[in-house]
Amino acid sequence: MKYKLIDRYILGKFLKTFCAAIGLIIVIVIVFDISEKLDDFLSRNAPLKLIVFQYYLNFIPSFINLFGHLFVFISVIFFTSKMAGNTEIIAILGNGISFRRMLVPYMYGAAIIAVVMFIFGNFIIPINNTYVKDFERKYIKNRYQNNMRNIHIQIEKGTQIYIETFDNKNNIGYKFTKEIFSDNNELLSKVTSDQITFDSTSNQWKMFNYTCRHINGMEESFIRRPDTVLNLGVTPADFNINYTSVETMNFFKLRNFIKQEQQRGSHLVVSYKIEHYQRMLNPLAIVIMTLIGVAVSSRKMRGGVGIHIAIGIAVAFSFIVFMKVTTVFATNGNLSPFLAVLLPQIIYAVAALILIRKAPK
């Protein structure tokens, strides 16, 4: 009976503090966001109904999911530190309940929040992001412009396409090259064009200053034309590489999209994989941060809640910085995207277990 009472007590404090912290931070963020975007709302006559229900109502879950483990950590630090300051933890342990058993309601709370975050991050928030991005295109940002250079696409095995720059507004590409290789990686043909323009009626590309070189063993043929029309097997959408579109894909769509981009040889596959693995593994950070929070704040200290929160925030931000560092190593180096997401969690999980072992019993 005493276990159930204490479990309900701690779990209730956990969830109530978490919701209160989330609510307070969201109000502050929305106030600052409105002050920053007010000129855009007024200049583009954004309806109040859309601002509230299409933009902010759909923006809130994404913000919560992004910083969920930080909010959990601060919540655990806050209410556990108050319990320690009021000698409640000493009373719980003195009543014959072990420190390990006291962690059970914390794990219940962390598991509930982690499952909710996983469902939201992989299935609900992508739908919300669709409405947010649509609102931003209409009332905040200008139409997306492709500012990437040196785009490489593998449309099928042995067929590579390269384009130096692409204007997505007018569907015009510059410095185009298409190369076809044999199974032995020998060049069979090469098409180049100074400029290509997409014709939406015929779904073909008009090419200016077109040259085509065919290689057959020791023989070569060369064709040059001022312009010609070809079906390249790609559309302008294939050149409009917009990372934010990934944010609108659910778990299964993103997984299939990554497979498709791997087949095409996209150089953004690593970034897509990191996004995929973060959605899968970041809920684990909630459990890890909960353990660290309990271990740090369960000891009564001079300075009380303030000292605990200061230590907790330092630990939480070091975790976030470490996650960013490993992501950079994966994006710009040879670190596996999966390991880049998992490594910080492994290290801080080990740290959490060490802190739990050294926590007052």
Protein backbone atom coordinates (compact mmCIF):
# COMPACT_ATOMS: atom_id res chain seq x y z
CA MET A 1 0.00 0.00 0.00
CA LYS A 2 2.80 2.42 0.90
CA TYR A 3 4.44 1.71 -2.45
CA LYS A 4 1.30 2.69 -4.35
CA LEU A 5 0.87 5.90 -2.35
CA ILE A 6 4.47 6.97 -2.93
CA ASP A 7 4.33 5.94 -6.60
CA ARG A 8 1.23 8.08 -7.17
CA TYR A 9 2.72 10.95 -5.21
CA ILE A 10 6.02 11.05 -7.13
CA LEU A 11 4.43 10.30 -10.52
CA GLY A 12 1.85 13.03 -9.97
CA LYS A 13 4.53 15.55 -9.04
CA PHE A 14 6.61 14.50 -12.06
CA LEU A 15 3.85 14.91 -14.63
CA LYS A 16 2.37 18.07 -13.07
CA THR A 17 5.76 19.78 -12.87
CA PHE A 18 6.59 18.75 -16.43
CA CYS A 19 3.29 20.14 -17.78
CA ALA A 20 3.71 23.36 -15.77
CA ALA A 21 7.27 23.85 -17.06
CA ILE A 22 6.16 23.18 -20.64
CA GLY A 23 3.24 25.60 -20.33
CA LEU A 24 5.37 28.38 -18.86
CA ILE A 25 8.13 28.08 -21.47
CA ILE A 26 5.64 27.89 -24.35
CA VAL A 27 3.94 31.11 -23.25
CA ILE A 28 7.31 32.88 -23.11
CA VAL A 29 8.38 31.50 -26.51
CA ILE A 30 5.10 32.48 -28.17
CA VAL A 31 5.32 36.02 -26.78
CA PHE A 32 8.83 36.47 -28.17
CA ASP A 33 7.90 34.81 -31.46
CA ILE A 34 4.90 37.09 -31.95
CA SER A 35 7.00 40.18 -31.27
CA GLU A 36 9.52 38.99 -33.88
CA LYS A 37 6.97 38.09 -36.58
CA LEU A 38 4.34 40.76 -35.92
CA ASP A 39 5.50 42.89 -38.86
CA ASP A 40 5.16 39.92 -41.21
CA PHE A 41 1.68 39.11 -39.90
CA LEU A 42 0.51 42.71 -40.38
CA SER A 43 2.20 43.36 -43.73
CA ARG A 44 0.78 40.16 -45.24
CA ASN A 45 -2.65 40.41 -43.59
CA ALA A 46 -2.42 37.05 -41.85
CA PRO A 47 -5.85 36.18 -40.37
CA LEU A 48 -5.89 35.87 -36.58
CA LYS A 49 -7.66 32.51 -36.83
CA LEU A 50 -4.84 31.06 -38.95
CA ILE A 51 -2.15 32.56 -36.71
CA VAL A 52 -3.63 30.86 -33.66
CA PHE A 53 -4.96 27.57 -35.00
CA GLN A 54 -2.79 26.85 -38.07
CA TYR A 55 0.55 28.26 -36.96
CA TYR A 56 0.94 28.31 -33.17
CA LEU A 57 -1.31 25.37 -32.35
CA ASN A 58 0.73 23.20 -34.74
CA PHE A 59 4.05 24.79 -33.75
CA ILE A 60 3.74 23.93 -30.04
CA PRO A 61 4.07 20.09 -30.33
CA SER A 62 7.21 20.46 -32.44
CA PHE A 63 8.78 22.76 -29.85
CA ILE A 64 7.89 20.39 -27.01
CA ASN A 65 9.35 17.41 -28.87
CA LEU A 66 12.56 19.28 -29.70
CA PHE A 67 13.33 20.22 -26.09
CA GLY A 68 11.31 17.52 -24.32
CA HIS A 69 14.28 15.87 -22.61
CA LEU A 70 15.46 19.27 -21.35
CA PHE A 71 12.03 20.05 -19.87
CA VAL A 72 11.90 16.61 -18.26
CA PHE A 73 15.32 17.12 -16.73
CA ILE A 74 14.49 20.53 -15.29
CA SER A 75 11.18 19.21 -13.95
CA VAL A 76 12.84 16.26 -12.21
CA ILE A 77 15.55 18.51 -10.78
CA PHE A 78 12.98 21.01 -9.52
CA PHE A 79 10.50 18.79 -7.69
CA THR A 80 13.07 16.23 -6.48
CA SER A 81 15.23 19.00 -5.05
CA LYS A 82 12.20 20.39 -3.20
CA MET A 83 11.47 16.91 -1.87
CA ALA A 84 15.08 16.62 -0.66
CA GLY A 85 14.91 20.07 0.92
CA ASN A 86 11.74 19.10 2.79
CA THR A 87 13.42 15.84 3.92
CA GLU A 88 10.73 13.85 2.08
CA ILE A 89 13.32 11.62 0.42
CA ILE A 90 14.87 10.86 3.81
CA ALA A 91 11.41 9.95 5.09
CA ILE A 92 10.78 7.67 2.09
CA LEU A 93 14.10 5.87 2.51
CA GLY A 94 13.66 5.71 6.26
CA ASN A 95 10.30 4.02 5.77
CA GLY A 96 12.01 0.93 4.39
CA ILE A 97 11.79 1.82 0.68
CA SER A 98 15.07 1.41 -1.17
CA PHE A 99 16.47 4.11 -3.40
CA ARG A 100 16.17 1.77 -6.38
CA ARG A 101 12.48 1.18 -5.60
CA MET A 102 11.95 4.93 -5.29
CA LEU A 103 13.13 5.27 -8.90
CA VAL A 104 10.20 3.19 -10.18
CA PRO A 105 7.63 6.06 -10.41
CA TYR A 106 10.30 8.21 -12.04
CA MET A 107 10.74 5.53 -14.68
CA TYR A 108 6.97 5.29 -15.12
CA GLY A 109 6.80 9.03 -15.77
CA ALA A 110 9.81 8.98 -18.08
CA ALA A 111 8.36 6.03 -20.04
CA ILE A 112 4.98 7.73 -20.45
CA ILE A 113 6.58 10.94 -21.74
CA ALA A 114 9.04 9.02 -23.97
CA VAL A 115 6.25 6.99 -25.64
CA VAL A 116 4.19 10.15 -26.20
CA MET A 117 7.24 11.93 -27.64
CA PHE A 118 7.98 9.00 -29.97
CA ILE A 119 4.41 8.93 -31.31
CA PHE A 120 4.29 12.69 -31.69
CA GLY A 121 7.77 12.96 -33.26
CA ASN A 122 7.16 10.25 -35.85
CA PHE A 123 3.47 10.56 -36.70
CA ILE A 124 1.74 13.67 -35.31
CA ILE A 125 4.33 16.43 -35.65
CA PRO A 126 5.04 15.74 -39.38
CA ILE A 127 1.35 16.45 -40.04
CA ASN A 128 1.53 19.60 -37.91
CA ASN A 129 4.66 20.71 -39.77
CA THR A 130 2.75 20.53 -43.05
CA TYR A 131 0.37 23.25 -41.82
CA VAL A 132 3.19 25.27 -40.25
CA LYS A 133 5.29 25.26 -43.44
CA ASP A 134 2.25 26.19 -45.53
CA PHE A 135 1.52 29.13 -43.23
CA GLU A 136 5.17 30.25 -43.28
CA ARG A 137 5.26 30.21 -47.09
CA LYS A 138 2.16 32.39 -47.28
CA TYR A 139 2.65 34.86 -44.45
CA ILE A 140 6.24 34.76 -43.18
CA LYS A 141 8.84 33.50 -45.61
CA ASN A 142 9.27 34.04 -49.31
CA ARG A 143 8.83 31.09 -51.61
CA TYR A 144 11.56 28.54 -51.13
CA GLN A 145 14.53 29.15 -53.38
CA ASN A 146 17.06 26.48 -54.17
CA ASN A 147 20.43 27.97 -53.29
CA MET A 148 22.41 24.73 -53.47
CA ARG A 149 25.22 24.24 -55.94
CA ASN A 150 26.88 21.22 -57.50
CA ILE A 151 23.89 18.87 -57.31
CA HIS A 152 24.63 15.20 -58.03
CA ILE A 153 21.85 12.69 -58.68
CA GLN A 154 22.05 9.00 -59.57
CA ILE A 155 18.78 8.35 -61.39
CA GLU A 156 19.59 4.64 -61.85
CA LYS A 157 22.57 2.36 -61.61
CA GLY A 158 25.31 3.62 -63.90
CA THR A 159 23.53 6.87 -64.79
CA GLN A 160 24.72 10.05 -63.09
CA ILE A 161 23.37 13.59 -63.45
CA TYR A 162 25.20 16.74 -62.39
CA ILE A 163 23.98 20.32 -62.41
CA GLU A 164 25.90 23.33 -61.14
CA THR A 165 22.90 25.48 -60.14
CA PHE A 166 19.13 25.22 -60.49
CA ASP A 167 16.54 28.03 -60.49
CA ASN A 168 13.42 26.43 -59.02
CA LYS A 169 11.25 29.49 -59.76
CA ASN A 170 11.73 29.24 -63.53
CA ASN A 171 12.77 25.56 -63.69
CA ILE A 172 16.07 26.40 -65.35
CA GLY A 173 19.34 24.58 -64.72
CA TYR A 174 22.86 25.66 -65.63
CA LYS A 175 25.96 23.65 -66.51
CA PHE A 176 24.25 20.28 -66.92
CA THR A 177 26.01 16.93 -67.39
CA LYS A 178 24.63 13.41 -67.78
CA GLU A 179 27.01 10.44 -67.78
CA ILE A 180 26.27 6.76 -68.39
CA PHE A 181 28.75 4.10 -67.21
CA SER A 182 29.05 0.40 -67.93
CA ASP A 183 29.09 -2.29 -65.24
CA ASN A 184 32.88 -2.04 -65.35
CA ASN A 185 32.62 1.69 -64.57
CA GLU A 186 33.68 2.67 -68.09
CA LEU A 187 32.19 5.82 -69.60
CA LEU A 188 29.72 4.97 -72.39
CA SER A 189 28.20 8.38 -73.11
CA LYS A 190 28.30 11.94 -71.86
CA VAL A 191 25.73 14.68 -72.49
CA THR A 192 26.45 18.32 -71.61
CA SER A 193 24.42 21.49 -71.92
CA ASP A 194 24.98 25.08 -70.80
CA GLN A 195 21.31 25.49 -69.89
CA ILE A 196 18.27 23.23 -69.53
CA THR A 197 14.64 24.31 -69.22
CA PHE A 198 11.72 22.09 -68.22
CA ASP A 199 8.61 21.99 -70.44
CA SER A 200 5.70 21.03 -68.19
CA THR A 201 3.39 20.25 -71.12
CA SER A 202 5.61 17.54 -72.61
CA ASN A 203 7.51 16.67 -69.39
CA GLN A 204 10.75 17.03 -71.32
CA TRP A 205 13.80 19.24 -71.06
CA LYS A 206 14.92 21.74 -73.66
CA MET A 207 18.72 21.86 -73.80
CA PHE A 208 20.80 24.74 -75.16
CA ASN A 209 24.30 24.31 -76.57
CA TYR A 210 23.81 20.55 -76.47
CA THR A 211 26.69 18.13 -76.97
CA CYS A 212 26.65 14.33 -76.81
CA ARG A 213 29.65 12.03 -76.86
CA HIS A 214 29.23 8.25 -77.37
CA ILE A 215 32.09 5.84 -76.68
CA ASN A 216 32.17 2.31 -78.04
CA GLY A 217 35.52 0.74 -77.31
CA MET A 218 38.08 2.56 -79.42
CA GLU A 219 35.40 4.36 -81.44
CA GLU A 220 33.73 7.64 -80.52
CA SER A 221 30.92 9.68 -82.03
CA PHE A 222 30.20 13.30 -81.26
CA ILE A 223 26.98 15.30 -81.74
CA ARG A 224 26.60 19.04 -81.24
CA ARG A 225 23.37 21.02 -81.60
CA PRO A 226 22.34 24.56 -80.65
CA ASP A 227 19.30 23.11 -78.90
CA THR A 228 17.37 19.87 -78.55
CA VAL A 229 14.61 18.26 -76.45
CA LEU A 230 15.22 15.18 -74.29
CA ASN A 231 13.52 13.15 -71.58
CA LEU A 232 16.10 13.02 -68.81
CA GLY A 233 14.14 10.84 -66.41
CA VAL A 234 14.00 13.60 -63.77
CA THR A 235 11.66 16.49 -62.97
CA PRO A 236 12.33 19.90 -61.38
CA ALA A 237 11.24 18.44 -58.04
CA ASP A 238 14.36 16.23 -58.10
CA PHE A 239 16.55 19.34 -58.09
CA ASN A 240 14.54 21.21 -55.46
CA ILE A 241 16.49 19.85 -52.54
CA ASN A 242 14.67 21.33 -49.56
CA TYR A 243 15.61 19.74 -46.25
CA THR A 244 12.58 21.18 -44.47
CA SER A 245 10.31 18.88 -46.52
CA VAL A 246 11.72 15.97 -44.50
CA GLU A 247 10.10 17.49 -41.41
CA THR A 248 6.67 16.78 -42.94
CA MET A 249 7.34 13.05 -43.47
CA ASN A 250 6.18 10.48 -40.94
CA PHE A 251 8.31 7.54 -39.83
CA PHE A 252 7.52 5.26 -42.77
CA LYS A 253 7.62 7.96 -45.45
CA LEU A 254 11.00 9.16 -44.20
CA ARG A 255 12.40 5.62 -44.19
CA ASN A 256 11.26 5.03 -47.78
CA PHE A 257 12.53 8.47 -48.79
CA ILE A 258 16.00 7.64 -47.42
CA LYS A 259 16.09 4.41 -49.45
CA GLN A 260 15.13 6.33 -52.57
CA GLU A 261 17.79 9.00 -51.96
CA GLN A 262 20.42 6.31 -51.37
CA GLN A 263 19.64 4.78 -54.74
CA ARG A 264 19.95 8.20 -56.34
CA GLY A 265 23.26 8.87 -54.60
CA SER A 266 22.08 12.04 -52.84
CA HIS A 267 24.76 13.71 -50.73
CA LEU A 268 22.13 14.63 -48.12
CA VAL A 269 21.44 11.02 -47.13
CA VAL A 270 23.52 11.41 -43.95
CA SER A 271 21.38 14.37 -42.80
CA TYR A 272 18.20 12.42 -43.53
CA LYS A 273 19.49 9.41 -41.59
CA ILE A 274 20.37 11.58 -38.62
CA GLU A 275 16.84 12.99 -38.60
CA HIS A 276 15.44 9.43 -38.80
CA TYR A 277 17.60 8.08 -35.97
CA GLN A 278 16.94 11.12 -33.78
CA ARG A 279 13.21 10.49 -34.03
CA MET A 280 13.79 6.87 -33.02
CA LEU A 281 16.35 7.30 -30.24
CA ASN A 282 15.79 10.74 -28.71
CA PRO A 283 12.95 9.47 -26.47
CA LEU A 284 15.63 7.41 -24.70
CA ALA A 285 17.24 10.70 -23.65
CA ILE A 286 14.16 11.37 -21.50
CA VAL A 287 14.86 8.23 -19.43
CA ILE A 288 18.58 9.08 -19.19
CA MET A 289 17.94 12.70 -18.16
CA THR A 290 15.43 11.50 -15.56
CA LEU A 291 18.01 9.21 -13.93
CA ILE A 292 20.65 11.94 -13.91
CA GLY A 293 18.15 14.43 -12.53
CA VAL A 294 17.18 12.18 -9.62
CA ALA A 295 20.82 11.37 -8.83
CA VAL A 296 21.87 15.03 -8.86
CA SER A 297 18.95 16.49 -6.90
CA SER A 298 18.12 13.80 -4.33
CA ARG A 299 20.84 14.96 -1.96
CA LYS A 300 20.03 17.91 0.30
CA MET A 301 22.53 20.70 -0.40
CA ARG A 302 23.24 24.18 0.87
CA GLY A 303 21.66 26.53 -1.65
CA GLY A 304 18.71 24.20 -2.20
CA VAL A 305 16.79 24.17 -5.48
CA GLY A 306 18.91 26.91 -7.06
CA ILE A 307 22.14 24.92 -6.88
CA HIS A 308 20.45 21.78 -8.16
CA ILE A 309 18.88 23.60 -11.11
CA ALA A 310 22.20 25.28 -11.98
CA ILE A 311 23.99 21.92 -11.98
CA GLY A 312 21.13 20.31 -13.91
CA ILE A 313 21.05 22.97 -16.63
CA ALA A 314 24.83 22.67 -17.07
CA VAL A 315 24.55 18.88 -17.49
CA ALA A 316 21.57 19.18 -19.86
CA PHE A 317 23.25 21.71 -22.11
CA SER A 318 26.48 19.72 -22.18
CA PHE A 319 24.38 16.78 -23.41
CA ILE A 320 22.80 18.93 -26.15
CA VAL A 321 26.21 20.29 -27.21
CA PHE A 322 27.65 16.77 -27.35
CA MET A 323 24.75 15.67 -29.56
CA LYS A 324 25.44 18.58 -31.93
CA VAL A 325 29.16 17.78 -32.06
CA THR A 326 28.62 14.14 -33.00
CA THR A 327 26.08 15.23 -35.62
CA VAL A 328 28.70 17.51 -37.20
CA PHE A 329 31.20 14.64 -37.25
CA ALA A 330 28.65 12.47 -39.04
CA THR A 331 27.69 15.17 -41.55
CA ASN A 332 31.21 16.34 -42.37
CA GLY A 333 33.24 13.27 -41.41
CA ASN A 334 33.09 9.50 -41.42
CA LEU A 335 31.12 8.90 -38.23
CA SER A 336 28.09 6.65 -38.70
CA PRO A 337 24.78 8.60 -38.45
CA PHE A 338 23.38 5.92 -36.14
CA LEU A 339 26.44 6.11 -33.88
CA ALA A 340 26.34 9.92 -33.99
CA VAL A 341 22.86 9.84 -32.45
CA LEU A 342 23.47 6.90 -30.11
CA LEU A 343 26.96 7.74 -28.78
CA PRO A 344 25.96 10.74 -26.59
CA GLN A 345 23.13 8.70 -25.11
CA ILE A 346 25.44 5.77 -24.32
CA ILE A 347 27.97 8.03 -22.59
CA TYR A 348 25.37 9.88 -20.55
CA ALA A 349 23.57 6.62 -19.74
CA VAL A 350 26.81 5.31 -18.23
CA ALA A 351 27.20 8.60 -16.35
CA ALA A 352 23.61 8.27 -15.09
CA LEU A 353 24.25 4.75 -13.76
CA ILE A 354 27.42 5.92 -11.98
CA LEU A 355 25.59 8.86 -10.41
CA ILE A 356 22.73 6.60 -9.33
CA ARG A 357 25.20 4.21 -7.64
CA LYS A 358 26.78 7.14 -5.76
CA ALA A 359 23.46 8.78 -4.85
CA PRO A 360 22.50 8.80 -1.16
CA LYS A 361 20.75 5.58 -0.19
